[in-house]
């Protein structure tokens, strides 16, 4: 969901979806399909209400680092594969 039409990972979208997914994973929030349709509004709500910043304080730093590093390592590996001979052939 963070990729544009040119298979480029948009850092802003990565941040938005990471924020939402962390909140969904670490809280008991359930979203309706209708709520999930407007991701930017949802993100704005979580950030402007300071809900995200309060939840993030409760998650151990090592866990957050693991999640964020995993996301960026995965993106890096996708780019690396895409630029490899095998990736270019596909």
N, C-alpha and C. Protein backbone atom coordinates (compact mmCIF):
# COMPACT_ATOMS: atom_id res chain seq x y z
N UNK A 1 0.81 -1.19 0.00
CA UNK A 1 0.00 0.00 0.00
C UNK A 1 0.86 1.26 0.00
N UNK A 2 2.16 1.09 0.15
CA UNK A 2 3.06 2.24 0.20
C UNK A 2 3.80 2.47 -1.11
N UNK A 3 3.41 1.74 -2.13
CA UNK A 3 4.09 1.81 -3.41
C UNK A 3 3.27 2.64 -4.39
N UNK A 4 3.96 3.49 -5.16
CA UNK A 4 3.24 4.26 -6.17
C UNK A 4 3.21 3.48 -7.49
N UNK A 5 2.72 4.11 -8.53
CA UNK A 5 2.55 3.41 -9.81
C UNK A 5 3.88 3.04 -10.48
N UNK A 6 4.99 3.59 -10.01
CA UNK A 6 6.30 3.29 -10.58
C UNK A 6 7.10 2.32 -9.70
N UNK A 7 6.42 1.62 -8.82
CA UNK A 7 7.03 0.67 -7.89
C UNK A 7 8.09 1.36 -7.03
N UNK A 8 7.76 2.54 -6.58
CA UNK A 8 8.62 3.32 -5.71
C UNK A 8 7.94 3.43 -4.35
N UNK A 9 8.66 3.08 -3.30
CA UNK A 9 8.10 3.17 -1.95
C UNK A 9 8.08 4.62 -1.51
N UNK A 10 6.91 5.12 -1.25
CA UNK A 10 6.72 6.49 -0.81
C UNK A 10 6.97 6.54 0.70
N UNK A 11 8.01 7.24 1.16
CA UNK A 11 8.33 7.27 2.59
C UNK A 11 7.18 7.79 3.46
N UNK A 12 6.42 8.73 2.93
CA UNK A 12 5.28 9.26 3.70
C UNK A 12 4.22 8.18 3.89
N UNK A 13 3.94 7.44 2.83
CA UNK A 13 2.96 6.36 2.94
C UNK A 13 3.47 5.26 3.87
N UNK A 14 4.75 4.98 3.81
CA UNK A 14 5.32 3.97 4.71
C UNK A 14 5.08 4.39 6.16
N UNK A 15 5.32 5.65 6.47
CA UNK A 15 5.11 6.18 7.82
C UNK A 15 3.64 6.09 8.21
N UNK A 16 2.76 6.49 7.32
CA UNK A 16 1.32 6.48 7.62
C UNK A 16 0.84 5.06 7.90
N UNK A 17 1.17 4.12 7.02
CA UNK A 17 0.71 2.75 7.21
C UNK A 17 1.39 2.07 8.39
N UNK A 18 2.65 2.40 8.65
CA UNK A 18 3.32 1.86 9.83
C UNK A 18 2.63 2.33 11.10
N UNK A 19 2.32 3.60 11.16
CA UNK A 19 1.62 4.16 12.32
C UNK A 19 0.30 3.45 12.57
N UNK A 20 -0.49 3.33 11.53
CA UNK A 20 -1.81 2.70 11.68
C UNK A 20 -1.67 1.24 12.07
N UNK A 21 -0.77 0.52 11.43
CA UNK A 21 -0.61 -0.91 11.74
C UNK A 21 -0.08 -1.14 13.15
N UNK A 22 0.81 -0.27 13.62
CA UNK A 22 1.29 -0.38 15.00
C UNK A 22 0.14 -0.18 15.97
N UNK A 23 -0.68 0.82 15.72
CA UNK A 23 -1.83 1.07 16.60
C UNK A 23 -2.80 -0.11 16.60
N UNK A 24 -3.04 -0.67 15.45
CA UNK A 24 -3.96 -1.81 15.38
C UNK A 24 -3.39 -3.05 16.06
N UNK A 25 -2.07 -3.21 15.98
CA UNK A 25 -1.43 -4.38 16.58
C UNK A 25 -1.30 -4.26 18.10
N UNK A 26 -1.12 -3.06 18.61
CA UNK A 26 -0.85 -2.88 20.04
C UNK A 26 -2.05 -2.38 20.85
N UNK A 27 -3.17 -2.19 20.20
CA UNK A 27 -4.37 -1.76 20.92
C UNK A 27 -5.52 -2.68 20.54
N UNK A 28 -6.66 -2.47 21.15
CA UNK A 28 -7.83 -3.27 20.80
C UNK A 28 -8.77 -2.50 19.86
N UNK A 29 -8.22 -1.59 19.09
CA UNK A 29 -9.00 -0.80 18.14
C UNK A 29 -9.40 -1.69 16.97
N UNK A 30 -10.66 -1.64 16.62
CA UNK A 30 -11.17 -2.31 15.43
C UNK A 30 -11.75 -1.25 14.51
N UNK A 31 -11.38 -1.33 13.25
CA UNK A 31 -11.85 -0.36 12.27
C UNK A 31 -12.85 -1.01 11.32
N UNK A 32 -13.86 -0.26 10.96
CA UNK A 32 -14.79 -0.74 9.96
C UNK A 32 -14.16 -0.56 8.58
N UNK A 33 -14.72 -1.22 7.59
CA UNK A 33 -14.23 -1.06 6.23
C UNK A 33 -14.35 0.40 5.79
N UNK A 34 -15.41 1.04 6.19
CA UNK A 34 -15.63 2.44 5.84
C UNK A 34 -14.52 3.32 6.43
N UNK A 35 -14.16 3.07 7.69
CA UNK A 35 -13.09 3.86 8.33
C UNK A 35 -11.75 3.62 7.64
N UNK A 36 -11.52 2.40 7.19
CA UNK A 36 -10.25 2.07 6.55
C UNK A 36 -10.11 2.67 5.16
N UNK A 37 -11.21 3.15 4.59
CA UNK A 37 -11.17 3.73 3.25
C UNK A 37 -10.42 5.07 3.22
N UNK A 38 -10.51 5.83 4.29
CA UNK A 38 -9.85 7.15 4.32
C UNK A 38 -8.66 7.10 5.28
N UNK A 39 -7.57 6.56 4.77
CA UNK A 39 -6.38 6.33 5.58
C UNK A 39 -5.78 7.64 6.07
N UNK A 40 -5.80 8.66 5.25
CA UNK A 40 -5.21 9.94 5.66
C UNK A 40 -6.00 10.57 6.80
N UNK A 41 -7.31 10.47 6.74
CA UNK A 41 -8.14 11.00 7.82
C UNK A 41 -7.88 10.22 9.11
N UNK A 42 -7.78 8.92 8.99
CA UNK A 42 -7.50 8.06 10.13
C UNK A 42 -6.15 8.41 10.76
N UNK A 43 -5.13 8.54 9.92
CA UNK A 43 -3.80 8.91 10.39
C UNK A 43 -3.84 10.27 11.09
N UNK A 44 -4.49 11.23 10.48
CA UNK A 44 -4.60 12.56 11.06
C UNK A 44 -5.27 12.51 12.43
N UNK A 45 -6.30 11.72 12.54
CA UNK A 45 -7.01 11.57 13.81
C UNK A 45 -6.09 10.99 14.89
N UNK A 46 -5.36 9.95 14.55
CA UNK A 46 -4.46 9.32 15.52
C UNK A 46 -3.33 10.25 15.95
N UNK A 47 -2.82 11.04 15.01
CA UNK A 47 -1.70 11.93 15.32
C UNK A 47 -2.18 13.18 16.05
N UNK A 48 -3.21 13.82 15.52
CA UNK A 48 -3.67 15.08 16.12
C UNK A 48 -4.25 14.90 17.52
N UNK A 49 -4.79 13.74 17.80
CA UNK A 49 -5.33 13.48 19.13
C UNK A 49 -4.24 13.08 20.12
N UNK A 50 -3.02 12.92 19.61
CA UNK A 50 -1.86 12.48 20.40
C UNK A 50 -2.01 11.04 20.90
N UNK A 51 -2.97 10.32 20.35
CA UNK A 51 -3.18 8.93 20.73
C UNK A 51 -1.96 8.09 20.38
N UNK A 52 -1.44 8.28 19.16
CA UNK A 52 -0.27 7.53 18.73
C UNK A 52 0.92 7.77 19.64
N UNK A 53 1.16 9.02 19.98
CA UNK A 53 2.33 9.33 20.82
C UNK A 53 2.19 8.71 22.21
N UNK A 54 0.98 8.59 22.70
CA UNK A 54 0.78 7.96 24.01
C UNK A 54 0.97 6.45 23.93
N UNK A 55 0.49 5.83 22.89
CA UNK A 55 0.65 4.38 22.72
C UNK A 55 2.11 4.04 22.51
N UNK A 56 2.79 4.83 21.71
CA UNK A 56 4.19 4.56 21.38
C UNK A 56 5.07 4.58 22.63
N UNK A 57 4.70 5.40 23.61
CA UNK A 57 5.46 5.46 24.87
C UNK A 57 5.42 4.15 25.63
N UNK A 58 4.38 3.37 25.41
CA UNK A 58 4.19 2.12 26.14
C UNK A 58 4.85 0.91 25.48
N UNK A 59 5.35 1.09 24.29
CA UNK A 59 5.99 0.00 23.55
C UNK A 59 7.50 0.09 23.77
N UNK A 60 8.11 -1.01 24.18
CA UNK A 60 9.57 -0.98 24.38
C UNK A 60 10.30 -0.52 23.12
N UNK A 61 11.31 0.31 23.31
CA UNK A 61 12.08 0.85 22.20
C UNK A 61 12.67 -0.22 21.31
N UNK A 62 13.11 -1.34 21.90
CA UNK A 62 13.69 -2.43 21.11
C UNK A 62 12.66 -3.01 20.14
N UNK A 63 11.41 -3.10 20.59
CA UNK A 63 10.36 -3.62 19.71
C UNK A 63 10.10 -2.67 18.55
N UNK A 64 10.01 -1.38 18.85
CA UNK A 64 9.79 -0.40 17.79
C UNK A 64 10.95 -0.40 16.79
N UNK A 65 12.17 -0.47 17.30
CA UNK A 65 13.33 -0.52 16.42
C UNK A 65 13.27 -1.75 15.52
N UNK A 66 12.88 -2.89 16.10
CA UNK A 66 12.79 -4.13 15.34
C UNK A 66 11.76 -3.99 14.21
N UNK A 67 10.61 -3.41 14.53
CA UNK A 67 9.56 -3.23 13.53
C UNK A 67 10.04 -2.30 12.42
N UNK A 68 10.54 -1.14 12.82
CA UNK A 68 10.97 -0.16 11.82
C UNK A 68 12.14 -0.65 10.99
N UNK A 69 13.10 -1.29 11.63
CA UNK A 69 14.23 -1.84 10.87
C UNK A 69 13.76 -2.93 9.91
N UNK A 70 12.83 -3.75 10.36
CA UNK A 70 12.29 -4.79 9.49
C UNK A 70 11.61 -4.22 8.26
N UNK A 71 10.87 -3.16 8.45
CA UNK A 71 10.19 -2.51 7.32
C UNK A 71 11.22 -1.98 6.33
N UNK A 72 12.19 -1.22 6.81
CA UNK A 72 13.15 -0.60 5.90
C UNK A 72 14.12 -1.63 5.31
N UNK A 73 14.45 -2.67 6.06
CA UNK A 73 15.28 -3.74 5.50
C UNK A 73 14.53 -4.46 4.38
N UNK A 74 13.25 -4.68 4.57
CA UNK A 74 12.45 -5.34 3.53
C UNK A 74 12.38 -4.49 2.27
N UNK A 75 12.14 -3.20 2.44
CA UNK A 75 12.09 -2.29 1.28
C UNK A 75 13.44 -2.31 0.55
N UNK A 76 14.51 -2.25 1.32
CA UNK A 76 15.86 -2.29 0.73
C UNK A 76 16.06 -3.57 -0.07
N UNK A 77 15.65 -4.70 0.49
CA UNK A 77 15.84 -5.98 -0.20
C UNK A 77 14.98 -6.08 -1.45
N UNK A 78 13.78 -5.49 -1.42
CA UNK A 78 12.93 -5.49 -2.61
C UNK A 78 13.60 -4.69 -3.72
N UNK A 79 14.14 -3.52 -3.38
CA UNK A 79 14.86 -2.73 -4.38
C UNK A 79 16.09 -3.48 -4.89
N UNK A 80 16.81 -4.10 -3.98
CA UNK A 80 18.01 -4.84 -4.38
C UNK A 80 17.67 -5.96 -5.34
N UNK A 81 16.61 -6.69 -5.02
CA UNK A 81 16.19 -7.79 -5.90
C UNK A 81 15.72 -7.25 -7.25
N UNK A 82 14.91 -6.19 -7.20
CA UNK A 82 14.36 -5.61 -8.43
C UNK A 82 15.47 -5.16 -9.36
N UNK A 83 16.57 -4.68 -8.78
CA UNK A 83 17.69 -4.19 -9.58
C UNK A 83 18.68 -5.28 -9.97
N UNK A 84 18.48 -6.49 -9.45
CA UNK A 84 19.38 -7.60 -9.79
C UNK A 84 19.04 -8.13 -11.18
N UNK A 85 19.91 -8.99 -11.71
CA UNK A 85 19.68 -9.58 -13.03
C UNK A 85 18.36 -10.37 -13.04
N UNK A 86 18.11 -11.14 -11.98
CA UNK A 86 16.87 -11.92 -11.91
C UNK A 86 15.65 -11.02 -11.86
N UNK A 87 15.74 -9.97 -11.08
CA UNK A 87 14.63 -9.03 -10.96
C UNK A 87 14.34 -8.32 -12.27
N UNK A 88 15.40 -7.94 -12.98
CA UNK A 88 15.24 -7.26 -14.26
C UNK A 88 14.60 -8.20 -15.28
N UNK A 89 14.97 -9.48 -15.24
CA UNK A 89 14.39 -10.46 -16.18
C UNK A 89 12.90 -10.65 -15.93
N UNK A 90 12.47 -10.54 -14.69
CA UNK A 90 11.05 -10.72 -14.39
C UNK A 90 10.28 -9.51 -14.83
